[in-house]
Amino acid sequence: MFDRPTLAHALIPALPLLLSLTAALPAAATPAENDAAMLKLATDRGCMSCHSIEPRPKRADGLPPIAPAWREVAQKYRDDPQAYKKLTDTVITGADPQARHWSGKVGVVTMPPNATAISPADARMLVNWILVLVP
């Protein structure tokens, strides 16, 4: 009746191998593991040279921090459904020096382009993580 083997018949001999490969897959990262991975990515790409997670006081020289803290960014953009796109674009292309929306809270230097430091995919992953840091 069945002259040709079906896909199921072809997979049956491979079933033990498929099951062992599936069992070897890592479980999803815990929130703490994800936080550690994102912090490592941010540190490795130089983001932490200017940014912090928590707001910082004025520096020893009396000037404001170089860049906004990521919790402040998350709060500012929490109701903006396009925030992930805007912020990912800013990470890659740099901040517009004419749009001083952090004026008075951070230094006068705008964020430079980072396309050579971080890939768009990593930037988007980092931005998505930052946006959930709302306290």
C-alpha atoms as a PDB file:
ATOM      1  CA  MET A   1       0.000   0.000   0.000  1.00  0.00           C
ATOM      2  CA  PHE A   2       2.813   2.458   0.880  1.00  0.00           C
ATOM      3  CA  ASP A   3       5.607   2.220  -1.646  1.00  0.00           C
ATOM      4  CA  ARG A   4       7.278   5.506  -0.597  1.00  0.00           C
ATOM      5  CA  PRO A   5       8.434   6.155   2.942  1.00  0.00           C
ATOM      6  CA  THR A   6       6.681   9.086   4.574  1.00  0.00           C
ATOM      7  CA  LEU A   7       8.446  11.862   6.429  1.00  0.00           C
ATOM      8  CA  ALA A   8       7.424  10.252   9.716  1.00  0.00           C
ATOM      9  CA  HIS A   9       9.054   6.970   8.671  1.00  0.00           C
ATOM     10  CA  ALA A  10      12.227   8.832   7.744  1.00  0.00           C
ATOM     11  CA  LEU A  11      12.366  10.653  11.085  1.00  0.00           C
ATOM     12  CA  ILE A  12      11.757   7.652  13.334  1.00  0.00           C
ATOM     13  CA  PRO A  13      15.381   6.413  13.186  1.00  0.00           C
ATOM     14  CA  ALA A  14      16.616   9.930  13.935  1.00  0.00           C
ATOM     15  CA  LEU A  15      14.262  10.450  16.878  1.00  0.00           C
ATOM     16  CA  PRO A  16      16.800   9.564  19.636  1.00  0.00           C
ATOM     17  CA  LEU A  17      19.305  12.012  18.146  1.00  0.00           C
ATOM     18  CA  LEU A  18      16.698  14.770  17.819  1.00  0.00           C
ATOM     19  CA  LEU A  19      15.583  14.277  21.420  1.00  0.00           C
ATOM     20  CA  SER A  20      19.144  14.379  22.727  1.00  0.00           C
ATOM     21  CA  LEU A  21      19.836  17.607  20.817  1.00  0.00           C
ATOM     22  CA  THR A  22      16.660  19.191  22.154  1.00  0.00           C
ATOM     23  CA  ALA A  23      17.579  18.226  25.715  1.00  0.00           C
ATOM     24  CA  ALA A  24      20.991  19.851  25.262  1.00  0.00           C
ATOM     25  CA  LEU A  25      19.527  23.252  24.380  1.00  0.00           C
ATOM     26  CA  PRO A  26      20.011  25.823  27.133  1.00  0.00           C
ATOM     27  CA  ALA A  27      17.006  27.042  29.054  1.00  0.00           C
ATOM     28  CA  ALA A  28      15.933  30.661  28.630  1.00  0.00           C
ATOM     29  CA  ALA A  29      18.071  33.141  30.534  1.00  0.00           C
ATOM     30  CA  THR A  30      16.851  34.309  33.905  1.00  0.00           C
ATOM     31  CA  PRO A  31      16.283  38.045  34.381  1.00  0.00           C
ATOM     32  CA  ALA A  32      19.536  38.276  36.367  1.00  0.00           C
ATOM     33  CA  GLU A  33      21.451  36.493  33.592  1.00  0.00           C
ATOM     34  CA  ASN A  34      19.898  38.801  31.010  1.00  0.00           C
ATOM     35  CA  ASP A  35      20.812  41.867  33.096  1.00  0.00           C
ATOM     36  CA  ALA A  36      24.395  40.623  33.400  1.00  0.00           C
ATOM     37  CA  ALA A  37      24.614  39.950  29.654  1.00  0.00           C
ATOM     38  CA  MET A  38      23.241  43.390  28.760  1.00  0.00           C
ATOM     39  CA  LEU A  39      25.542  45.129  31.236  1.00  0.00           C
ATOM     40  CA  LYS A  40      28.501  43.234  29.766  1.00  0.00           C
ATOM     41  CA  LEU A  41      27.441  44.221  26.240  1.00  0.00           C
ATOM     42  CA  ALA A  42      27.113  47.869  27.291  1.00  0.00           C
ATOM     43  CA  THR A  43      30.482  47.800  29.044  1.00  0.00           C
ATOM     44  CA  ASP A  44      32.233  46.043  26.154  1.00  0.00           C
ATOM     45  CA  ARG A  45      30.822  48.562  23.650  1.00  0.00           C
ATOM     46  CA  GLY A  46      31.840  51.598  25.721  1.00  0.00           C
ATOM     47  CA  CYS A  47      28.346  52.730  26.706  1.00  0.00           C
ATOM     48  CA  MET A  48      29.161  52.750  30.417  1.00  0.00           C
ATOM     49  CA  SER A  49      31.904  55.329  29.832  1.00  0.00           C
ATOM     50  CA  CYS A  50      29.185  57.979  29.694  1.00  0.00           C
ATOM     51  CA  HIS A  51      25.957  56.298  30.879  1.00  0.00           C
ATOM     52  CA  SER A  52      24.971  54.699  34.163  1.00  0.00           C
ATOM     53  CA  ILE A  53      21.950  52.681  35.125  1.00  0.00           C
ATOM     54  CA  GLU A  54      20.973  54.809  38.115  1.00  0.00           C
ATOM     55  CA  PRO A  55      21.005  58.632  38.064  1.00  0.00           C
ATOM     56  CA  ARG A  56      24.292  60.165  39.199  1.00  0.00           C
ATOM     57  CA  PRO A  57      24.883  63.342  41.160  1.00  0.00           C
ATOM     58  CA  LYS A  58      26.944  66.169  39.740  1.00  0.00           C
ATOM     59  CA  ARG A  59      30.576  65.283  39.144  1.00  0.00           C
ATOM     60  CA  ALA A  60      33.402  66.409  41.423  1.00  0.00           C
ATOM     61  CA  ASP A  61      34.016  69.398  39.120  1.00  0.00           C
ATOM     62  CA  GLY A  62      30.392  70.517  39.667  1.00  0.00           C
ATOM     63  CA  LEU A  63      29.275  69.625  36.161  1.00  0.00           C
ATOM     64  CA  PRO A  64      26.314  67.340  35.460  1.00  0.00           C
ATOM     65  CA  PRO A  65      26.886  63.733  34.345  1.00  0.00           C
ATOM     66  CA  ILE A  66      28.059  63.261  30.752  1.00  0.00           C
ATOM     67  CA  ALA A  67      24.938  61.329  29.692  1.00  0.00           C
ATOM     68  CA  PRO A  68      21.528  60.444  31.108  1.00  0.00           C
ATOM     69  CA  ALA A  69      21.127  57.415  33.323  1.00  0.00           C
ATOM     70  CA  TRP A  70      19.249  54.604  31.662  1.00  0.00           C
ATOM     71  CA  ARG A  71      16.477  54.601  34.256  1.00  0.00           C
ATOM     72  CA  GLU A  72      15.872  58.255  33.331  1.00  0.00           C
ATOM     73  CA  VAL A  73      15.777  57.299  29.653  1.00  0.00           C
ATOM     74  CA  ALA A  74      13.311  54.499  30.417  1.00  0.00           C
ATOM     75  CA  GLN A  75      11.070  56.895  32.365  1.00  0.00           C
ATOM     76  CA  LYS A  76      11.186  59.581  29.677  1.00  0.00           C
ATOM     77  CA  TYR A  77      10.230  57.183  26.872  1.00  0.00           C
ATOM     78  CA  ARG A  78       7.938  54.755  28.716  1.00  0.00           C
ATOM     79  CA  ASP A  79       4.782  55.935  26.950  1.00  0.00           C
ATOM     80  CA  ASP A  80       6.331  56.268  23.491  1.00  0.00           C
ATOM     81  CA  PRO A  81       5.581  53.198  21.322  1.00  0.00           C
ATOM     82  CA  GLN A  82       8.334  54.254  18.867  1.00  0.00           C
ATOM     83  CA  ALA A  83      10.986  54.720  21.562  1.00  0.00           C
ATOM     84  CA  TYR A  84      12.872  51.544  20.677  1.00  0.00           C
ATOM     85  CA  LYS A  85      13.283  52.755  17.084  1.00  0.00           C
ATOM     86  CA  LYS A  86      14.193  56.353  17.974  1.00  0.00           C
ATOM     87  CA  LEU A  87      16.720  55.291  20.578  1.00  0.00           C
ATOM     88  CA  THR A  88      18.264  52.543  18.448  1.00  0.00           C
ATOM     89  CA  ASP A  89      18.711  55.095  15.650  1.00  0.00           C
ATOM     90  CA  THR A  90      20.312  57.506  18.121  1.00  0.00           C
ATOM     91  CA  VAL A  91      22.724  54.832  19.332  1.00  0.00           C
ATOM     92  CA  ILE A  92      23.806  54.047  15.770  1.00  0.00           C
ATOM     93  CA  THR A  93      23.811  57.536  14.205  1.00  0.00           C
ATOM     94  CA  GLY A  94      24.409  59.731  17.271  1.00  0.00           C
ATOM     95  CA  ALA A  95      22.269  62.389  18.918  1.00  0.00           C
ATOM     96  CA  ASP A  96      21.134  65.527  17.146  1.00  0.00           C
ATOM     97  CA  PRO A  97      23.119  68.426  18.666  1.00  0.00           C
ATOM     98  CA  GLN A  98      20.144  70.732  18.015  1.00  0.00           C
ATOM     99  CA  ALA A  99      17.751  68.560  20.038  1.00  0.00           C
ATOM    100  CA  ARG A 100      18.946  69.188  23.567  1.00  0.00           C
ATOM    101  CA  HIS A 101      16.160  67.311  25.367  1.00  0.00           C
ATOM    102  CA  TRP A 102      18.482  66.524  28.305  1.00  0.00           C
ATOM    103  CA  SER A 103      19.626  70.152  28.614  1.00  0.00           C
ATOM    104  CA  GLY A 104      20.609  71.055  32.160  1.00  0.00           C
ATOM    105  CA  LYS A 105      20.547  67.426  33.295  1.00  0.00           C
ATOM    106  CA  VAL A 106      23.641  66.219  31.445  1.00  0.00           C
ATOM    107  CA  GLY A 107      26.766  67.726  29.924  1.00  0.00           C
ATOM    108  CA  VAL A 108      26.771  69.625  26.657  1.00  0.00           C
ATOM    109  CA  VAL A 109      28.446  66.914  24.584  1.00  0.00           C
ATOM    110  CA  THR A 110      25.987  64.980  22.412  1.00  0.00           C
ATOM    111  CA  MET A 111      26.147  61.254  21.872  1.00  0.00           C
ATOM    112  CA  PRO A 112      28.443  60.409  18.957  1.00  0.00           C
ATOM    113  CA  PRO A 113      27.606  57.829  16.279  1.00  0.00           C
ATOM    114  CA  ASN A 114      28.353  54.284  17.446  1.00  0.00           C
ATOM    115  CA  ALA A 115      27.913  52.285  14.248  1.00  0.00           C
ATOM    116  CA  THR A 116      31.498  51.041  14.470  1.00  0.00           C
ATOM    117  CA  ALA A 117      31.148  50.070  18.132  1.00  0.00           C
ATOM    118  CA  ILE A 118      27.845  48.177  18.123  1.00  0.00           C
ATOM    119  CA  SER A 119      25.739  46.390  15.526  1.00  0.00           C
ATOM    120  CA  PRO A 120      22.165  47.545  14.911  1.00  0.00           C
ATOM    121  CA  ALA A 121      20.893  44.208  16.287  1.00  0.00           C
ATOM    122  CA  ASP A 122      22.908  44.571  19.503  1.00  0.00           C
ATOM    123  CA  ALA A 123      21.892  48.227  19.801  1.00  0.00           C
ATOM    124  CA  ARG A 124      18.215  47.306  19.517  1.00  0.00           C
ATOM    125  CA  MET A 125      18.603  44.518  22.074  1.00  0.00           C
ATOM    126  CA  LEU A 126      20.315  46.920  24.476  1.00  0.00           C
ATOM    127  CA  VAL A 127      17.713  49.652  23.918  1.00  0.00           C
ATOM    128  CA  ASN A 128      14.873  47.189  24.535  1.00  0.00           C
ATOM    129  CA  TRP A 129      16.540  46.210  27.801  1.00  0.00           C
ATOM    130  CA  ILE A 130      17.030  49.864  28.799  1.00  0.00           C
ATOM    131  CA  LEU A 131      13.359  50.614  28.160  1.00  0.00           C
ATOM    132  CA  VAL A 132      12.241  48.072  30.765  1.00  0.00           C
ATOM    133  CA  LEU A 133      14.398  49.641  33.485  1.00  0.00           C
ATOM    134  CA  VAL A 134      11.539  51.881  34.620  1.00  0.00           C
ATOM    135  CA  PRO A 135      11.616  51.864  38.431  1.00  0.00           C
END
